Amino acid sequence: MGKVAAIDLDIAKQAFQVYGVKGGGAIVSRRRLRRDDVVGFFKALPPCLIGIEVCATGHRWAWVLMAFGHEVQLMPASYVKRPTMRFVPMKTEEQQSVLMLHRVSSFTTL
């Protein structure tokens, strides 16, 4: 992969899409990665900015990638393709676990 300023990581169930862009926004690389290959790919990549759409596992992938020195920004699905991008603050593992417990408890009371 050439000189990359930022990466858009589209996380999915089995195959992830990786789009690397230069400073001007031109796409440098498009790649499809199996879930098992994601960690190795980003571990070998020099630190850069990575954008991930917020979903059920978005925070988990953000924590993994930040451990390799990357800067991660989470984007709500409704803003992914808009020119006025907004980002979601990163939750800690403790905050995420409390949120998950809250969701589970609300399902059990239905």
PDB file of N, CA and C in Angstrom:
ATOM      1  N   MET A   1       0.853  -1.171   0.000  1.00  0.00           N
ATOM      2  CA  MET A   1       0.000   0.000   0.000  1.00  0.00           C
ATOM      3  C   MET A   1       0.896   1.229   0.000  1.00  0.00           C
ATOM      4  N   GLY A   2       0.577   2.217  -0.834  1.00  0.00           N
ATOM      5  CA  GLY A   2       1.366   3.443  -0.913  1.00  0.00           C
ATOM      6  C   GLY A   2       1.222   4.290   0.339  1.00  0.00           C
ATOM      7  N   LYS A   3       1.691   5.531   0.262  1.00  0.00           N
ATOM      8  CA  LYS A   3       1.596   6.459   1.392  1.00  0.00           C
ATOM      9  C   LYS A   3       0.128   6.735   1.686  1.00  0.00           C
ATOM     10  N   VAL A   4      -0.310   6.385   2.887  1.00  0.00           N
ATOM     11  CA  VAL A   4      -1.715   6.503   3.264  1.00  0.00           C
ATOM     12  C   VAL A   4      -1.869   7.552   4.357  1.00  0.00           C
ATOM     13  N   ALA A   5      -2.810   8.473   4.161  1.00  0.00           N
ATOM     14  CA  ALA A   5      -3.112   9.483   5.176  1.00  0.00           C
ATOM     15  C   ALA A   5      -4.225   8.997   6.098  1.00  0.00           C
ATOM     16  N   ALA A   6      -5.179   8.273   5.530  1.00  0.00           N
ATOM     17  CA  ALA A   6      -6.320   7.799   6.315  1.00  0.00           C
ATOM     18  C   ALA A   6      -6.869   6.525   5.698  1.00  0.00           C
ATOM     19  N   ILE A   7      -7.546   5.757   6.531  1.00  0.00           N
ATOM     20  CA  ILE A   7      -8.157   4.504   6.079  1.00  0.00           C
ATOM     21  C   ILE A   7      -9.604   4.484   6.541  1.00  0.00           C
ATOM     22  N   ASP A   8     -10.475   4.057   5.640  1.00  0.00           N
ATOM     23  CA  ASP A   8     -11.867   3.809   5.982  1.00  0.00           C
ATOM     24  C   ASP A   8     -12.004   2.300   6.111  1.00  0.00           C
ATOM     25  N   LEU A   9     -12.403   1.832   7.276  1.00  0.00           N
ATOM     26  CA  LEU A   9     -12.562   0.402   7.514  1.00  0.00           C
ATOM     27  C   LEU A   9     -14.040   0.097   7.635  1.00  0.00           C
ATOM     28  N   ASP A  10     -14.545  -0.671   6.689  1.00  0.00           N
ATOM     29  CA  ASP A  10     -15.945  -1.077   6.691  1.00  0.00           C
ATOM     30  C   ASP A  10     -15.995  -2.475   7.290  1.00  0.00           C
ATOM     31  N   ILE A  11     -16.425  -2.557   8.557  1.00  0.00           N
ATOM     32  CA  ILE A  11     -16.426  -3.848   9.231  1.00  0.00           C
ATOM     33  C   ILE A  11     -17.719  -4.583   8.946  1.00  0.00           C
ATOM     34  N   ALA A  12     -17.613  -5.876   8.755  1.00  0.00           N
ATOM     35  CA  ALA A  12     -18.758  -6.707   8.422  1.00  0.00           C
ATOM     36  C   ALA A  12     -18.614  -8.043   9.146  1.00  0.00           C
ATOM     37  N   LYS A  13     -19.427  -8.997   8.764  1.00  0.00           N
ATOM     38  CA  LYS A  13     -19.396 -10.284   9.460  1.00  0.00           C
ATOM     39  C   LYS A  13     -18.139 -11.095   9.148  1.00  0.00           C
ATOM     40  N   GLN A  14     -17.857 -11.364   7.898  1.00  0.00           N
ATOM     41  CA  GLN A  14     -16.720 -12.198   7.544  1.00  0.00           C
ATOM     42  C   GLN A  14     -15.618 -11.458   6.800  1.00  0.00           C
ATOM     43  N   ALA A  15     -15.984 -10.570   5.899  1.00  0.00           N
ATOM     44  CA  ALA A  15     -14.983  -9.842   5.103  1.00  0.00           C
ATOM     45  C   ALA A  15     -15.092  -8.349   5.376  1.00  0.00           C
ATOM     46  N   PHE A  16     -13.946  -7.717   5.630  1.00  0.00           N
ATOM     47  CA  PHE A  16     -13.893  -6.284   5.874  1.00  0.00           C
ATOM     48  C   PHE A  16     -13.341  -5.606   4.639  1.00  0.00           C
ATOM     49  N   GLN A  17     -13.827  -4.397   4.339  1.00  0.00           N
ATOM     50  CA  GLN A  17     -13.323  -3.614   3.223  1.00  0.00           C
ATOM     51  C   GLN A  17     -12.424  -2.507   3.773  1.00  0.00           C
ATOM     52  N   VAL A  18     -11.250  -2.364   3.175  1.00  0.00           N
ATOM     53  CA  VAL A  18     -10.288  -1.352   3.591  1.00  0.00           C
ATOM     54  C   VAL A  18     -10.051  -0.411   2.420  1.00  0.00           C
ATOM     55  N   TYR A  19     -10.250   0.882   2.636  1.00  0.00           N
ATOM     56  CA  TYR A  19     -10.008   1.900   1.621  1.00  0.00           C
ATOM     57  C   TYR A  19      -8.958   2.866   2.154  1.00  0.00           C
ATOM     58  N   GLY A  20      -7.794   2.894   1.539  1.00  0.00           N
ATOM     59  CA  GLY A  20      -6.731   3.821   1.924  1.00  0.00           C
ATOM     60  C   GLY A  20      -6.767   5.047   1.036  1.00  0.00           C
ATOM     61  N   VAL A  21      -6.672   6.239   1.630  1.00  0.00           N
ATOM     62  CA  VAL A  21      -6.712   7.477   0.852  1.00  0.00           C
ATOM     63  C   VAL A  21      -5.498   8.349   1.158  1.00  0.00           C
ATOM     64  N   LYS A  22      -5.078   9.116   0.139  1.00  0.00           N
ATOM     65  CA  LYS A  22      -4.000  10.099   0.315  1.00  0.00           C
ATOM     66  C   LYS A  22      -4.580  11.355   0.948  1.00  0.00           C
ATOM     67  N   GLY A  23      -3.694  12.313   1.217  1.00  0.00           N
ATOM     68  CA  GLY A  23      -4.105  13.575   1.825  1.00  0.00           C
ATOM     69  C   GLY A  23      -5.181  14.310   1.057  1.00  0.00           C
ATOM     70  N   GLY A  24      -5.169  14.244  -0.269  1.00  0.00           N
ATOM     71  CA  GLY A  24      -6.151  14.942  -1.087  1.00  0.00           C
ATOM     72  C   GLY A  24      -7.467  14.205  -1.231  1.00  0.00           C
ATOM     73  N   GLY A  25      -7.546  12.995  -0.705  1.00  0.00           N
ATOM     74  CA  GLY A  25      -8.776  12.217  -0.782  1.00  0.00           C
ATOM     75  C   GLY A  25      -8.797  11.173  -1.875  1.00  0.00           C
ATOM     76  N   ALA A  26      -7.724  11.094  -2.680  1.00  0.00           N
ATOM     77  CA  ALA A  26      -7.673  10.093  -3.742  1.00  0.00           C
ATOM     78  C   ALA A  26      -7.456   8.708  -3.141  1.00  0.00           C
ATOM     79  N   ILE A  27      -8.202   7.729  -3.623  1.00  0.00           N
ATOM     80  CA  ILE A  27      -8.082   6.365  -3.115  1.00  0.00           C
ATOM     81  C   ILE A  27      -6.780   5.753  -3.602  1.00  0.00           C
ATOM     82  N   VAL A  28      -5.959   5.302  -2.658  1.00  0.00           N
ATOM     83  CA  VAL A  28      -4.670   4.691  -2.959  1.00  0.00           C
ATOM     84  C   VAL A  28      -4.804   3.176  -3.021  1.00  0.00           C
ATOM     85  N   SER A  29      -5.685   2.633  -2.196  1.00  0.00           N
ATOM     86  CA  SER A  29      -5.794   1.183  -2.102  1.00  0.00           C
ATOM     87  C   SER A  29      -7.204   0.772  -1.720  1.00  0.00           C
ATOM     88  N   ARG A  30      -7.646  -0.322  -2.305  1.00  0.00           N
ATOM     89  CA  ARG A  30      -8.900  -0.968  -1.918  1.00  0.00           C
ATOM     90  C   ARG A  30      -8.553  -2.414  -1.659  1.00  0.00           C
ATOM     91  N   ARG A  31      -9.023  -2.908  -0.560  1.00  0.00           N
ATOM     92  CA  ARG A  31      -8.640  -4.262  -0.195  1.00  0.00           C
ATOM     93  C   ARG A  31      -9.764  -4.933   0.579  1.00  0.00           C
ATOM     94  N   ARG A  32      -9.896  -6.214   0.378  1.00  0.00           N
ATOM     95  CA  ARG A  32     -10.856  -7.007   1.133  1.00  0.00           C
ATOM     96  C   ARG A  32     -10.057  -7.896   2.074  1.00  0.00           C
ATOM     97  N   LEU A  33     -10.391  -7.850   3.358  1.00  0.00           N
ATOM     98  CA  LEU A  33      -9.677  -8.651   4.353  1.00  0.00           C
ATOM     99  C   LEU A  33     -10.644  -9.591   5.061  1.00  0.00           C
ATOM    100  N   ARG A  34     -10.191 -10.818   5.258  1.00  0.00           N
ATOM    101  CA  ARG A  34     -10.948 -11.726   6.111  1.00  0.00           C
ATOM    102  C   ARG A  34     -10.771 -11.255   7.551  1.00  0.00           C
ATOM    103  N   ARG A  35     -11.711 -11.574   8.379  1.00  0.00           N
ATOM    104  CA  ARG A  35     -11.669 -11.169   9.787  1.00  0.00           C
ATOM    105  C   ARG A  35     -10.351 -11.570  10.445  1.00  0.00           C
ATOM    106  N   ASP A  36      -9.836 -12.747  10.131  1.00  0.00           N
ATOM    107  CA  ASP A  36      -8.589 -13.235  10.727  1.00  0.00           C
ATOM    108  C   ASP A  36      -7.364 -12.435  10.296  1.00  0.00           C
ATOM    109  N   ASP A  37      -7.447 -11.727   9.181  1.00  0.00           N
ATOM    110  CA  ASP A  37      -6.298 -10.996   8.647  1.00  0.00           C
ATOM    111  C   ASP A  37      -6.239  -9.528   9.062  1.00  0.00           C
ATOM    112  N   VAL A  38      -7.281  -9.019   9.692  1.00  0.00           N
ATOM    113  CA  VAL A  38      -7.372  -7.591  10.014  1.00  0.00           C
ATOM    114  C   VAL A  38      -6.269  -7.161  10.983  1.00  0.00           C
ATOM    115  N   VAL A  39      -6.072  -7.921  12.044  1.00  0.00           N
ATOM    116  CA  VAL A  39      -5.087  -7.543  13.059  1.00  0.00           C
ATOM    117  C   VAL A  39      -3.688  -7.499  12.461  1.00  0.00           C
ATOM    118  N   GLY A  40      -3.306  -8.520  11.713  1.00  0.00           N
ATOM    119  CA  GLY A  40      -1.983  -8.546  11.090  1.00  0.00           C
ATOM    120  C   GLY A  40      -1.768  -7.412  10.115  1.00  0.00           C
ATOM    121  N   PHE A  41      -2.795  -7.073   9.348  1.00  0.00           N
ATOM    122  CA  PHE A  41      -2.704  -5.987   8.375  1.00  0.00           C
ATOM    123  C   PHE A  41      -2.417  -4.657   9.063  1.00  0.00           C
ATOM    124  N   PHE A  42      -3.191  -4.326  10.093  1.00  0.00           N
ATOM    125  CA  PHE A  42      -3.031  -3.039  10.761  1.00  0.00           C
ATOM    126  C   PHE A  42      -1.813  -3.002  11.681  1.00  0.00           C
ATOM    127  N   LYS A  43      -1.389  -4.138  12.157  1.00  0.00           N
ATOM    128  CA  LYS A  43      -0.178  -4.189  12.977  1.00  0.00           C
ATOM    129  C   LYS A  43       1.045  -3.822  12.143  1.00  0.00           C
ATOM    130  N   ALA A  44       1.062  -4.230  10.873  1.00  0.00           N
ATOM    131  CA  ALA A  44       2.189  -3.953   9.979  1.00  0.00           C
ATOM    132  C   ALA A  44       2.130  -2.554   9.371  1.00  0.00           C
ATOM    133  N   LEU A  45       1.003  -1.889   9.454  1.00  0.00           N
ATOM    134  CA  LEU A  45       0.808  -0.574   8.841  1.00  0.00           C
ATOM    135  C   LEU A  45       1.316   0.532   9.762  1.00  0.00           C
ATOM    136  N   PRO A  46       2.041   1.522   9.235  1.00  0.00           N
ATOM    137  CA  PRO A  46       2.450   2.658  10.078  1.00  0.00           C
ATOM    138  C   PRO A  46       1.208   3.364  10.632  1.00  0.00           C
ATOM    139  N   PRO A  47       1.316   3.949  11.823  1.00  0.00           N
ATOM    140  CA  PRO A  47       0.146   4.610  12.428  1.00  0.00           C
ATOM    141  C   PRO A  47      -0.486   5.641  11.500  1.00  0.00           C
ATOM    142  N   CYS A  48      -1.803   5.597  11.407  1.00  0.00           N
ATOM    143  CA  CYS A  48      -2.553   6.538  10.580  1.00  0.00           C
ATOM    144  C   CYS A  48      -3.943   6.729  11.179  1.00  0.00           C
ATOM    145  N   LEU A  49      -4.734   7.571  10.549  1.00  0.00           N
ATOM    146  CA  LEU A  49      -6.106   7.832  10.960  1.00  0.00           C
ATOM    147  C   LEU A  49      -7.007   6.768  10.347  1.00  0.00           C
ATOM    148  N   ILE A  50      -7.877   6.181  11.161  1.00  0.00           N
ATOM    149  CA  ILE A  50      -8.788   5.143  10.682  1.00  0.00           C
ATOM    150  C   ILE A  50     -10.205   5.539  11.059  1.00  0.00           C
ATOM    151  N   GLY A  51     -11.104   5.518  10.101  1.00  0.00           N
ATOM    152  CA  GLY A  51     -12.514   5.798  10.341  1.00  0.00           C
ATOM    153  C   GLY A  51     -13.312   4.514  10.303  1.00  0.00           C
ATOM    154  N   ILE A  52     -14.136   4.316  11.323  1.00  0.00           N
ATOM    155  CA  ILE A  52     -14.978   3.118  11.419  1.00  0.00           C
ATOM    156  C   ILE A  52     -16.411   3.557  11.697  1.00  0.00           C
ATOM    157  N   GLU A  53     -17.347   2.932  11.015  1.00  0.00           N
ATOM    158  CA  GLU A  53     -18.758   3.194  11.282  1.00  0.00           C
ATOM    159  C   GLU A  53     -19.126   2.548  12.615  1.00  0.00           C
ATOM    160  N   VAL A  54     -19.855   3.285  13.443  1.00  0.00           N
ATOM    161  CA  VAL A  54     -20.247   2.752  14.738  1.00  0.00           C
ATOM    162  C   VAL A  54     -21.281   1.651  14.531  1.00  0.00           C
ATOM    163  N   CYS A  55     -21.016   0.522  15.146  1.00  0.00           N
ATOM    164  CA  CYS A  55     -21.945  -0.603  15.119  1.00  0.00           C
ATOM    165  C   CYS A  55     -21.699  -1.425  16.380  1.00  0.00           C
ATOM    166  N   ALA A  56     -22.232  -2.612  16.431  1.00  0.00           N
ATOM    167  CA  ALA A  56     -22.115  -3.433  17.636  1.00  0.00           C
ATOM    168  C   ALA A  56     -20.671  -3.706  18.032  1.00  0.00           C
ATOM    169  N   THR A  57     -19.764  -3.860  17.072  1.00  0.00           N
ATOM    170  CA  THR A  57     -18.369  -4.181  17.388  1.00  0.00           C
ATOM    171  C   THR A  57     -17.397  -3.052  17.057  1.00  0.00           C
ATOM    172  N   GLY A  58     -17.906  -1.884  16.721  1.00  0.00           N
ATOM    173  CA  GLY A  58     -17.044  -0.766  16.336  1.00  0.00           C
ATOM    174  C   GLY A  58     -16.062  -0.352  17.414  1.00  0.00           C
ATOM    175  N   HIS A  59     -16.526  -0.273  18.675  1.00  0.00           N
ATOM    176  CA  HIS A  59     -15.628   0.119  19.754  1.00  0.00           C
ATOM    177  C   HIS A  59     -14.541  -0.928  19.978  1.00  0.00           C
ATOM    178  N   ARG A  60     -14.906  -2.194  19.891  1.00  0.00           N
ATOM    179  CA  ARG A  60     -13.923  -3.247  20.105  1.00  0.00           C
ATOM    180  C   ARG A  60     -12.804  -3.162  19.075  1.00  0.00           C
ATOM    181  N   TRP A  61     -13.160  -2.992  17.801  1.00  0.00           N
ATOM    182  CA  TRP A  61     -12.140  -2.866  16.765  1.00  0.00           C
ATOM    183  C   TRP A  61     -11.322  -1.596  16.964  1.00  0.00           C
ATOM    184  N   ALA A  62     -11.936  -0.544  17.432  1.00  0.00           N
ATOM    185  CA  ALA A  62     -11.201   0.701  17.687  1.00  0.00           C
ATOM    186  C   ALA A  62     -10.146   0.489  18.765  1.00  0.00           C
ATOM    187  N   TRP A  63     -10.494  -0.212  19.843  1.00  0.00           N
ATOM    188  CA  TRP A  63      -9.518  -0.479  20.910  1.00  0.00           C
ATOM    189  C   TRP A  63      -8.349  -1.304  20.383  1.00  0.00           C
ATOM    190  N   VAL A  64      -8.637  -2.303  19.558  1.00  0.00           N
ATOM    191  CA  VAL A  64      -7.577  -3.154  18.993  1.00  0.00           C
ATOM    192  C   VAL A  64      -6.640  -2.313  18.133  1.00  0.00           C
ATOM    193  N   LEU A  65      -7.186  -1.481  17.264  1.00  0.00           N
ATOM    194  CA  LEU A  65      -6.361  -0.684  16.351  1.00  0.00           C
ATOM    195  C   LEU A  65      -5.594   0.416  17.081  1.00  0.00           C
ATOM    196  N   MET A  66      -6.175   0.993  18.117  1.00  0.00           N
ATOM    197  CA  MET A  66      -5.471   2.013  18.889  1.00  0.00           C
ATOM    198  C   MET A  66      -4.276   1.415  19.630  1.00  0.00           C
ATOM    199  N   ALA A  67      -4.342   0.143  19.968  1.00  0.00           N
ATOM    200  CA  ALA A  67      -3.218  -0.523  20.634  1.00  0.00           C
ATOM    201  C   ALA A  67      -1.990  -0.578  19.722  1.00  0.00           C
ATOM    202  N   PHE A  68      -2.190  -0.474  18.413  1.00  0.00           N
ATOM    203  CA  PHE A  68      -1.082  -0.468  17.447  1.00  0.00           C
ATOM    204  C   PHE A  68      -0.616   0.948  17.120  1.00  0.00           C
ATOM    205  N   GLY A  69      -1.173   1.959  17.788  1.00  0.00           N
ATOM    206  CA  GLY A  69      -0.748   3.336  17.585  1.00  0.00           C
ATOM    207  C   GLY A  69      -1.580   4.119  16.590  1.00  0.00           C
ATOM    208  N   HIS A  70      -2.633   3.534  16.059  1.00  0.00           N
ATOM    209  CA  HIS A  70      -3.489   4.235  15.102  1.00  0.00           C
ATOM    210  C   HIS A  70      -4.445   5.169  15.836  1.00  0.00           C
ATOM    211  N   GLU A  71      -4.851   6.241  15.163  1.00  0.00           N
ATOM    212  CA  GLU A  71      -5.892   7.133  15.677  1.00  0.00           C
ATOM    213  C   GLU A  71      -7.199   6.687  15.042  1.00  0.00           C
ATOM    214  N   VAL A  72      -8.204   6.414  15.860  1.00  0.00           N
ATOM    215  CA  VAL A  72      -9.470   5.893  15.353  1.00  0.00           C
ATOM    216  C   VAL A  72     -10.581   6.889  15.646  1.00  0.00           C
ATOM    217  N   GLN A  73     -11.415   7.138  14.638  1.00  0.00           N
ATOM    218  CA  GLN A  73     -12.599   7.977  14.809  1.00  0.00           C
ATOM    219  C   GLN A  73     -13.813   7.165  14.407  1.00  0.00           C
ATOM    220  N   LEU A  74     -14.803   7.151  15.281  1.00  0.00           N
ATOM    221  CA  LEU A  74     -16.042   6.418  15.036  1.00  0.00           C
ATOM    222  C   LEU A  74     -17.093   7.357  14.460  1.00  0.00           C
ATOM    223  N   MET A  75     -17.777   6.878  13.411  1.00  0.00           N
ATOM    224  CA  MET A  75     -18.759   7.702  12.710  1.00  0.00           C
ATOM    225  C   MET A  75     -20.139   7.062  12.790  1.00  0.00           C
ATOM    226  N   PRO A  76     -21.164   7.830  13.143  1.00  0.00           N
ATOM    227  CA  PRO A  76     -22.520   7.276  13.106  1.00  0.00           C
ATOM    228  C   PRO A  76     -22.920   6.961  11.666  1.00  0.00           C
ATOM    229  N   ALA A  77     -23.683   5.912  11.494  1.00  0.00           N
ATOM    230  CA  ALA A  77     -24.080   5.466  10.153  1.00  0.00           C
ATOM    231  C   ALA A  77     -24.771   6.558   9.352  1.00  0.00           C
ATOM    232  N   SER A  78     -25.545   7.396  10.018  1.00  0.00           N
ATOM    233  CA  SER A  78     -26.290   8.440   9.304  1.00  0.00           C
ATOM    234  C   SER A  78     -25.386   9.530   8.733  1.00  0.00           C
ATOM    235  N   TYR A  79     -24.127   9.626   9.186  1.00  0.00           N
ATOM    236  CA  TYR A  79     -23.220  10.670   8.718  1.00  0.00           C
ATOM    237  C   TYR A  79     -22.084  10.153   7.833  1.00  0.00           C
ATOM    238  N   VAL A  80     -22.023   8.867   7.596  1.00  0.00           N
ATOM    239  CA  VAL A  80     -20.874   8.294   6.885  1.00  0.00           C
ATOM    240  C   VAL A  80     -20.662   8.914   5.510  1.00  0.00           C
ATOM    241  N   LYS A  81     -21.705   9.154   4.745  1.00  0.00           N
ATOM    242  CA  LYS A  81     -21.540   9.671   3.383  1.00  0.00           C
ATOM    243  C   LYS A  81     -21.852  11.162   3.265  1.00  0.00           C
ATOM    244  N   ARG A  82     -21.943  11.866   4.365  1.00  0.00           N
ATOM    245  CA  ARG A  82     -22.232  13.305   4.308  1.00  0.00           C
ATOM    246  C   ARG A  82     -20.937  14.105   4.358  1.00  0.00           C
ATOM    247  N   PRO A  83     -20.942  15.275   3.735  1.00  0.00           N
ATOM    248  CA  PRO A  83     -19.750  16.125   3.797  1.00  0.00           C
ATOM    249  C   PRO A  83     -19.514  16.726   5.190  1.00  0.00           C
ATOM    250  N   THR A  84     -20.572  16.864   5.982  1.00  0.00           N
ATOM    251  CA  THR A  84     -20.420  17.401   7.335  1.00  0.00           C
ATOM    252  C   THR A  84     -20.320  16.229   8.314  1.00  0.00           C
ATOM    253  N   MET A  85     -19.119  15.711   8.443  1.00  0.00           N
ATOM    254  CA  MET A  85     -18.899  14.523   9.265  1.00  0.00           C
ATOM    255  C   MET A  85     -18.927  14.866  10.744  1.00  0.00           C
ATOM    256  N   ARG A  86     -19.585  14.036  11.510  1.00  0.00           N
ATOM    257  CA  ARG A  86     -19.574  14.129  12.971  1.00  0.00           C
ATOM    258  C   ARG A  86     -19.051  12.806  13.498  1.00  0.00           C
ATOM    259  N   PHE A  87     -18.430  12.864  14.650  1.00  0.00           N
ATOM    260  CA  PHE A  87     -17.835  11.658  15.210  1.00  0.00           C
ATOM    261  C   PHE A  87     -18.428  11.357  16.575  1.00  0.00           C
ATOM    262  N   VAL A  88     -18.369  10.105  16.952  1.00  0.00           N
ATOM    263  CA  VAL A  88     -18.876   9.627  18.224  1.00  0.00           C
ATOM    264  C   VAL A  88     -17.706   9.522  19.192  1.00  0.00           C
ATOM    265  N   PRO A  89     -17.869   9.992  20.434  1.00  0.00           N
ATOM    266  CA  PRO A  89     -16.762   9.845  21.384  1.00  0.00           C
ATOM    267  C   PRO A  89     -16.508   8.366  21.687  1.00  0.00           C
ATOM    268  N   MET A  90     -15.251   8.034  21.882  1.00  0.00           N
ATOM    269  CA  MET A  90     -14.857   6.665  22.183  1.00  0.00           C
ATOM    270  C   MET A  90     -15.274   6.315  23.606  1.00  0.00           C
ATOM    271  N   LYS A  91     -15.880   5.146  23.768  1.00  0.00           N
ATOM    272  CA  LYS A  91     -16.241   4.658  25.094  1.00  0.00           C
ATOM    273  C   LYS A  91     -15.111   3.774  25.624  1.00  0.00           C
ATOM    274  N   THR A  92     -14.967   3.760  26.931  1.00  0.00           N
ATOM    275  CA  THR A  92     -14.015   2.838  27.544  1.00  0.00           C
ATOM    276  C   THR A  92     -14.663   1.454  27.602  1.00  0.00           C
ATOM    277  N   GLU A  93     -13.870   0.449  27.904  1.00  0.00           N
ATOM    278  CA  GLU A  93     -14.427  -0.903  28.026  1.00  0.00           C
ATOM    279  C   GLU A  93     -15.463  -0.967  29.139  1.00  0.00           C
ATOM    280  N   GLU A  94     -15.237  -0.241  30.223  1.00  0.00           N
ATOM    281  CA  GLU A  94     -16.186  -0.228  31.334  1.00  0.00           C
ATOM    282  C   GLU A  94     -17.517   0.407  30.922  1.00  0.00           C
ATOM    283  N   GLN A  95     -17.451   1.522  30.209  1.00  0.00           N
ATOM    284  CA  GLN A  95     -18.671   2.185  29.743  1.00  0.00           C
ATOM    285  C   GLN A  95     -19.439   1.281  28.785  1.00  0.00           C
ATOM    286  N   GLN A  96     -18.735   0.606  27.907  1.00  0.00           N
ATOM    287  CA  GLN A  96     -19.375  -0.282  26.942  1.00  0.00           C
ATOM    288  C   GLN A  96     -20.027  -1.474  27.656  1.00  0.00           C
ATOM    289  N   SER A  97     -19.370  -2.012  28.681  1.00  0.00           N
ATOM    290  CA  SER A  97     -19.942  -3.158  29.393  1.00  0.00           C
ATOM    291  C   SER A  97     -21.200  -2.754  30.168  1.00  0.00           C
ATOM    292  N   VAL A  98     -21.211  -1.556  30.746  1.00  0.00           N
ATOM    293  CA  VAL A  98     -22.410  -1.076  31.442  1.00  0.00           C
ATOM    294  C   VAL A  98     -23.551  -0.906  30.446  1.00  0.00           C
ATOM    295  N   LEU A  99     -23.259  -0.378  29.282  1.00  0.00           N
ATOM    296  CA  LEU A  99     -24.274  -0.209  28.240  1.00  0.00           C
ATOM    297  C   LEU A  99     -24.851  -1.555  27.816  1.00  0.00           C
ATOM    298  N   MET A 100     -23.999  -2.545  27.659  1.00  0.00           N
ATOM    299  CA  MET A 100     -24.463  -3.875  27.253  1.00  0.00           C
ATOM    300  C   MET A 100     -25.331  -4.503  28.349  1.00  0.00           C
ATOM    301  N   LEU A 101     -24.931  -4.347  29.612  1.00  0.00           N
ATOM    302  CA  LEU A 101     -25.751  -4.865  30.712  1.00  0.00           C
ATOM    303  C   LEU A 101     -27.107  -4.191  30.752  1.00  0.00           C
ATOM    304  N   HIS A 102     -27.129  -2.884  30.484  1.00  0.00           N
ATOM    305  CA  HIS A 102     -28.398  -2.153  30.457  1.00  0.00           C
ATOM    306  C   HIS A 102     -29.309  -2.690  29.354  1.00  0.00           C
ATOM    307  N   ARG A 103     -28.736  -2.940  28.182  1.00  0.00           N
ATOM    308  CA  ARG A 103     -29.546  -3.460  27.076  1.00  0.00           C
ATOM    309  C   ARG A 103     -30.077  -4.856  27.373  1.00  0.00           C
ATOM    310  N   VAL A 104     -29.246  -5.695  27.965  1.00  0.00           N
ATOM    311  CA  VAL A 104     -29.677  -7.052  28.293  1.00  0.00           C
ATOM    312  C   VAL A 104     -30.787  -7.007  29.338  1.00  0.00           C
ATOM    313  N   SER A 105     -30.635  -6.175  30.351  1.00  0.00           N
ATOM    314  CA  SER A 105     -31.655  -6.109  31.401  1.00  0.00           C
ATOM    315  C   SER A 105     -32.972  -5.560  30.866  1.00  0.00           C
ATOM    316  N   SER A 106     -32.917  -4.653  29.895  1.00  0.00           N
ATOM    317  CA  SER A 106     -34.171  -4.125  29.343  1.00  0.00           C
ATOM    318  C   SER A 106     -34.890  -5.166  28.486  1.00  0.00           C
ATOM    319  N   PHE A 107     -34.150  -6.114  27.891  1.00  0.00           N
ATOM    320  CA  PHE A 107     -34.796  -7.195  27.129  1.00  0.00           C
ATOM    321  C   PHE A 107     -35.437  -8.225  28.056  1.00  0.00           C
ATOM    322  N   THR A 108     -34.850  -8.449  29.201  1.00  0.00           N
ATOM    323  CA  THR A 108     -35.394  -9.451  30.113  1.00  0.00           C
ATOM    324  C   THR A 108     -36.655  -8.970  30.806  1.00  0.00           C
ATOM    325  N   THR A 109     -36.880  -7.657  30.857  1.00  0.00           N
ATOM    326  CA  THR A 109     -38.090  -7.131  31.497  1.00  0.00           C
ATOM    327  C   THR A 109     -39.274  -7.008  30.545  1.00  0.00           C
ATOM    328  N   LEU A 110     -39.065  -7.311  29.271  1.00  0.00           N
ATOM    329  CA  LEU A 110     -40.165  -7.189  28.303  1.00  0.00           C
ATOM    330  C   LEU A 110     -41.198  -8.243  28.460  1.00  0.00           C
TER     331      LEU A 110
END
